[in-house]
Amino acid sequence: MKVEVWFVGKTQQRNIREGVLDYAGRLAHYLPITFVEIPDIRNAGKLSADQLREKEGEVILARIQSSDRVVLLDEKGKMHTSKEFSHWMDKSLQSGSQRLLFVVGGAYGFSSGLYKRSNHLLSLSKMTFSHQMVRLFLAEQLYRAMTILRNEPYHHD
């Protein structure tokens, strides 16, 4: 199964970009994974939060295939420990889907259409993080999950 992580918009913070690239390189050892930046919506500053969510949702939904397993990073999603997440990843990778998509939305979250299409909502914490920082946190947790599944000494209980 191919894993893709989609981010809405470019990351302006160099340290986050570099961190994501670092974990992307590490993850390539374990599974076929791609990190994709969905371009920002043009004239986004002229749109309301609801309009922007809907426009971003349309762009994302147009890229999703019917066979994809879609995971939205959302504050209302299921929280896992790192070990639980690694087991969830293992089951997801064995599910038979062609692609497992993790989607990190824009600053205002997801459209109702994306919520309807999603297969799973995942939360990284009860705290709220910027959608920029979530990129790095997710990349690290994906790497941690792979090392847990391989019994490698990255994760400590």
C-alpha atoms as a PDB file:
ATOM      1  CA  MET A   1       0.000   0.000   0.000  1.00  0.00           C
ATOM      2  CA  LYS A   2       1.148   3.496  -0.812  1.00  0.00           C
ATOM      3  CA  VAL A   3       0.883   6.145   1.906  1.00  0.00           C
ATOM      4  CA  GLU A   4       0.399   9.809   1.074  1.00  0.00           C
ATOM      5  CA  VAL A   5       0.298  12.764   3.425  1.00  0.00           C
ATOM      6  CA  TRP A   6      -1.463  15.803   1.987  1.00  0.00           C
ATOM      7  CA  PHE A   7      -1.003  19.311   3.378  1.00  0.00           C
ATOM      8  CA  VAL A   8      -3.118  22.300   2.400  1.00  0.00           C
ATOM      9  CA  GLY A   9      -0.825  25.184   1.460  1.00  0.00           C
ATOM     10  CA  LYS A  10       2.894  25.757   1.617  1.00  0.00           C
ATOM     11  CA  THR A  11       4.861  25.753   4.815  1.00  0.00           C
ATOM     12  CA  GLN A  12       6.502  29.122   5.336  1.00  0.00           C
ATOM     13  CA  GLN A  13       8.483  27.957   8.373  1.00  0.00           C
ATOM     14  CA  ARG A  14      11.822  26.551   7.243  1.00  0.00           C
ATOM     15  CA  ASN A  15      12.377  24.449  10.377  1.00  0.00           C
ATOM     16  CA  ILE A  16       9.052  22.650   9.887  1.00  0.00           C
ATOM     17  CA  ARG A  17       9.759  22.062   6.180  1.00  0.00           C
ATOM     18  CA  GLU A  18      13.191  20.634   6.995  1.00  0.00           C
ATOM     19  CA  GLY A  19      11.801  18.452   9.774  1.00  0.00           C
ATOM     20  CA  VAL A  20       9.144  16.978   7.496  1.00  0.00           C
ATOM     21  CA  LEU A  21      11.781  16.309   4.825  1.00  0.00           C
ATOM     22  CA  ASP A  22      13.971  14.582   7.402  1.00  0.00           C
ATOM     23  CA  TYR A  23      11.182  12.227   8.480  1.00  0.00           C
ATOM     24  CA  ALA A  24      10.115  11.684   4.853  1.00  0.00           C
ATOM     25  CA  GLY A  25      13.619  10.412   4.140  1.00  0.00           C
ATOM     26  CA  ARG A  26      13.573   8.150   7.195  1.00  0.00           C
ATOM     27  CA  LEU A  27      10.117   6.782   6.321  1.00  0.00           C
ATOM     28  CA  ALA A  28      11.171   5.856   2.789  1.00  0.00           C
ATOM     29  CA  HIS A  29      13.141   2.999   4.374  1.00  0.00           C
ATOM     30  CA  TYR A  30       9.891   1.448   5.645  1.00  0.00           C
ATOM     31  CA  LEU A  31       7.156   2.131   3.112  1.00  0.00           C
ATOM     32  CA  PRO A  32       6.346   3.963  -0.094  1.00  0.00           C
ATOM     33  CA  ILE A  33       5.310   7.383   1.165  1.00  0.00           C
ATOM     34  CA  THR A  34       4.812  10.758  -0.481  1.00  0.00           C
ATOM     35  CA  PHE A  35       4.249  14.160   1.092  1.00  0.00           C
ATOM     36  CA  VAL A  36       2.120  16.424  -1.101  1.00  0.00           C
ATOM     37  CA  GLU A  37       1.369  20.133  -0.760  1.00  0.00           C
ATOM     38  CA  ILE A  38      -2.087  21.030  -2.047  1.00  0.00           C
ATOM     39  CA  PRO A  39      -1.756  24.566  -3.488  1.00  0.00           C
ATOM     40  CA  ASP A  40      -3.336  27.432  -1.585  1.00  0.00           C
ATOM     41  CA  ILE A  41      -6.677  28.670  -2.920  1.00  0.00           C
ATOM     42  CA  ARG A  42      -6.271  31.811  -4.983  1.00  0.00           C
ATOM     43  CA  ASN A  43      -7.699  34.982  -3.453  1.00  0.00           C
ATOM     44  CA  ALA A  44      -8.204  33.142  -0.175  1.00  0.00           C
ATOM     45  CA  GLY A  45      -8.036  36.427   1.713  1.00  0.00           C
ATOM     46  CA  LYS A  46     -11.287  37.520   0.086  1.00  0.00           C
ATOM     47  CA  LEU A  47     -13.170  34.406   1.225  1.00  0.00           C
ATOM     48  CA  SER A  48     -14.902  33.714   4.517  1.00  0.00           C
ATOM     49  CA  ALA A  49     -13.669  30.780   6.604  1.00  0.00           C
ATOM     50  CA  ASP A  50     -16.661  28.699   5.415  1.00  0.00           C
ATOM     51  CA  GLN A  51     -16.038  29.535   1.761  1.00  0.00           C
ATOM     52  CA  LEU A  52     -12.342  28.717   2.083  1.00  0.00           C
ATOM     53  CA  ARG A  53     -13.089  25.371   3.759  1.00  0.00           C
ATOM     54  CA  GLU A  54     -15.483  24.485   0.929  1.00  0.00           C
ATOM     55  CA  LYS A  55     -13.016  25.499  -1.821  1.00  0.00           C
ATOM     56  CA  GLU A  56     -10.195  23.531  -0.202  1.00  0.00           C
ATOM     57  CA  GLY A  57     -12.568  20.590   0.200  1.00  0.00           C
ATOM     58  CA  GLU A  58     -13.460  20.651  -3.497  1.00  0.00           C
ATOM     59  CA  VAL A  59      -9.788  20.590  -4.489  1.00  0.00           C
ATOM     60  CA  ILE A  60      -9.003  17.704  -2.130  1.00  0.00           C
ATOM     61  CA  LEU A  61     -12.094  15.675  -3.027  1.00  0.00           C
ATOM     62  CA  ALA A  62     -11.225  15.948  -6.726  1.00  0.00           C
ATOM     63  CA  ARG A  63      -7.896  14.209  -6.020  1.00  0.00           C
ATOM     64  CA  ILE A  64      -9.284  11.355  -3.917  1.00  0.00           C
ATOM     65  CA  GLN A  65      -9.922   8.036  -5.613  1.00  0.00           C
ATOM     66  CA  SER A  66     -12.847   5.805  -4.664  1.00  0.00           C
ATOM     67  CA  SER A  67     -10.496   3.085  -3.374  1.00  0.00           C
ATOM     68  CA  ASP A  68      -8.534   5.442  -1.086  1.00  0.00           C
ATOM     69  CA  ARG A  69      -8.662   5.132   2.677  1.00  0.00           C
ATOM     70  CA  VAL A  70      -8.864   8.754   3.891  1.00  0.00           C
ATOM     71  CA  VAL A  71      -7.718   9.884   7.329  1.00  0.00           C
ATOM     72  CA  LEU A  72      -8.368  13.482   8.360  1.00  0.00           C
ATOM     73  CA  LEU A  73      -6.212  15.044  11.063  1.00  0.00           C
ATOM     74  CA  ASP A  74      -8.903  16.592  13.212  1.00  0.00           C
ATOM     75  CA  GLU A  75      -9.207  17.761  16.802  1.00  0.00           C
ATOM     76  CA  LYS A  76     -12.403  15.689  17.165  1.00  0.00           C
ATOM     77  CA  GLY A  77     -10.661  12.552  15.946  1.00  0.00           C
ATOM     78  CA  LYS A  78      -9.569   9.402  17.729  1.00  0.00           C
ATOM     79  CA  MET A  79      -6.496   9.746  19.911  1.00  0.00           C
ATOM     80  CA  HIS A  80      -4.019   6.906  20.194  1.00  0.00           C
ATOM     81  CA  THR A  81      -0.878   6.260  22.155  1.00  0.00           C
ATOM     82  CA  SER A  82       2.116   5.783  19.880  1.00  0.00           C
ATOM     83  CA  LYS A  83       1.882   2.004  20.286  1.00  0.00           C
ATOM     84  CA  GLU A  84      -1.856   2.019  19.549  1.00  0.00           C
ATOM     85  CA  PHE A  85      -1.222   4.150  16.485  1.00  0.00           C
ATOM     86  CA  SER A  86       1.458   1.732  15.266  1.00  0.00           C
ATOM     87  CA  HIS A  87      -1.031  -1.158  15.545  1.00  0.00           C
ATOM     88  CA  TRP A  88      -3.684   0.926  13.776  1.00  0.00           C
ATOM     89  CA  MET A  89      -1.163   1.668  11.006  1.00  0.00           C
ATOM     90  CA  ASP A  90      -0.326  -2.007  10.688  1.00  0.00           C
ATOM     91  CA  LYS A  91      -4.016  -2.910  10.268  1.00  0.00           C
ATOM     92  CA  SER A  92      -4.532  -0.035   7.827  1.00  0.00           C
ATOM     93  CA  LEU A  93      -1.545  -1.076   5.733  1.00  0.00           C
ATOM     94  CA  GLN A  94      -2.997  -4.594   5.551  1.00  0.00           C
ATOM     95  CA  SER A  95      -6.510  -3.390   4.656  1.00  0.00           C
ATOM     96  CA  GLY A  96      -6.221  -3.914   0.914  1.00  0.00           C
ATOM     97  CA  SER A  97      -6.696  -0.275  -0.070  1.00  0.00           C
ATOM     98  CA  GLN A  98      -4.321   1.013  -2.712  1.00  0.00           C
ATOM     99  CA  ARG A  99      -3.635   4.297  -0.934  1.00  0.00           C
ATOM    100  CA  LEU A 100      -3.786   5.424   2.655  1.00  0.00           C
ATOM    101  CA  LEU A 101      -4.208   9.214   2.654  1.00  0.00           C
ATOM    102  CA  PHE A 102      -3.560  11.413   5.652  1.00  0.00           C
ATOM    103  CA  VAL A 103      -4.938  14.913   5.099  1.00  0.00           C
ATOM    104  CA  VAL A 104      -3.863  17.947   7.126  1.00  0.00           C
ATOM    105  CA  GLY A 105      -6.338  20.700   6.377  1.00  0.00           C
ATOM    106  CA  GLY A 106      -5.929  24.442   6.229  1.00  0.00           C
ATOM    107  CA  ALA A 107      -6.264  26.863   9.096  1.00  0.00           C
ATOM    108  CA  TYR A 108     -10.073  26.507   9.216  1.00  0.00           C
ATOM    109  CA  GLY A 109     -10.329  22.726   8.998  1.00  0.00           C
ATOM    110  CA  PHE A 110     -12.329  20.585   6.589  1.00  0.00           C
ATOM    111  CA  SER A 111     -15.492  20.899   4.534  1.00  0.00           C
ATOM    112  CA  SER A 112     -18.541  18.797   5.356  1.00  0.00           C
ATOM    113  CA  GLY A 113     -17.945  16.893   2.105  1.00  0.00           C
ATOM    114  CA  LEU A 114     -14.500  15.810   3.278  1.00  0.00           C
ATOM    115  CA  TYR A 115     -15.866  14.682   6.622  1.00  0.00           C
ATOM    116  CA  LYS A 116     -18.444  12.567   4.787  1.00  0.00           C
ATOM    117  CA  ARG A 117     -15.787  11.016   2.533  1.00  0.00           C
ATOM    118  CA  SER A 118     -13.287  10.283   5.306  1.00  0.00           C
ATOM    119  CA  ASN A 119     -12.784   6.826   6.736  1.00  0.00           C
ATOM    120  CA  HIS A 120     -11.150   7.905   9.977  1.00  0.00           C
ATOM    121  CA  LEU A 121     -10.571  11.049  12.026  1.00  0.00           C
ATOM    122  CA  LEU A 122      -7.250  11.169  13.855  1.00  0.00           C
ATOM    123  CA  SER A 123      -6.310  13.584  16.626  1.00  0.00           C
ATOM    124  CA  LEU A 124      -2.729  14.001  17.785  1.00  0.00           C
ATOM    125  CA  SER A 125      -3.665  15.642  21.086  1.00  0.00           C
ATOM    126  CA  LYS A 126      -6.410  17.306  23.083  1.00  0.00           C
ATOM    127  CA  MET A 127      -4.426  20.497  22.524  1.00  0.00           C
ATOM    128  CA  THR A 128      -4.822  22.568  19.377  1.00  0.00           C
ATOM    129  CA  PHE A 129      -1.754  22.895  17.148  1.00  0.00           C
ATOM    130  CA  SER A 130      -1.268  25.032  14.085  1.00  0.00           C
ATOM    131  CA  HIS A 131      -1.897  23.174  10.857  1.00  0.00           C
ATOM    132  CA  GLN A 132       1.775  23.897  10.065  1.00  0.00           C
ATOM    133  CA  MET A 133       3.090  22.128  13.170  1.00  0.00           C
ATOM    134  CA  VAL A 134       0.755  19.151  12.711  1.00  0.00           C
ATOM    135  CA  ARG A 135       2.707  18.326   9.531  1.00  0.00           C
ATOM    136  CA  LEU A 136       5.878  17.707  11.507  1.00  0.00           C
ATOM    137  CA  PHE A 137       4.137  15.939  14.393  1.00  0.00           C
ATOM    138  CA  LEU A 138       2.373  13.558  12.007  1.00  0.00           C
ATOM    139  CA  ALA A 139       5.570  12.798  10.089  1.00  0.00           C
ATOM    140  CA  GLU A 140       7.347  11.972  13.353  1.00  0.00           C
ATOM    141  CA  GLN A 141       4.501   9.759  14.586  1.00  0.00           C
ATOM    142  CA  LEU A 142       4.412   7.860  11.296  1.00  0.00           C
ATOM    143  CA  TYR A 143       8.153   7.237  11.647  1.00  0.00           C
ATOM    144  CA  ARG A 144       7.734   6.221  15.289  1.00  0.00           C
ATOM    145  CA  ALA A 145       4.950   3.792  14.309  1.00  0.00           C
ATOM    146  CA  MET A 146       7.175   2.121  11.730  1.00  0.00           C
ATOM    147  CA  THR A 147      10.033   1.710  14.216  1.00  0.00           C
ATOM    148  CA  ILE A 148       7.635   0.243  16.797  1.00  0.00           C
ATOM    149  CA  LEU A 149       6.358  -2.270  14.246  1.00  0.00           C
ATOM    150  CA  ARG A 150       9.957  -3.294  13.491  1.00  0.00           C
ATOM    151  CA  ASN A 151      10.934  -3.431  17.172  1.00  0.00           C
ATOM    152  CA  GLU A 152      13.632  -0.837  16.599  1.00  0.00           C
ATOM    153  CA  PRO A 153      14.994   1.206  19.517  1.00  0.00           C
ATOM    154  CA  TYR A 154      13.511   4.611  18.646  1.00  0.00           C
ATOM    155  CA  HIS A 155      10.442   4.449  20.909  1.00  0.00           C
ATOM    156  CA  HIS A 156      10.830   4.071  24.674  1.00  0.00           C
ATOM    157  CA  ASP A 157       8.020   3.094  27.024  1.00  0.00           C
END
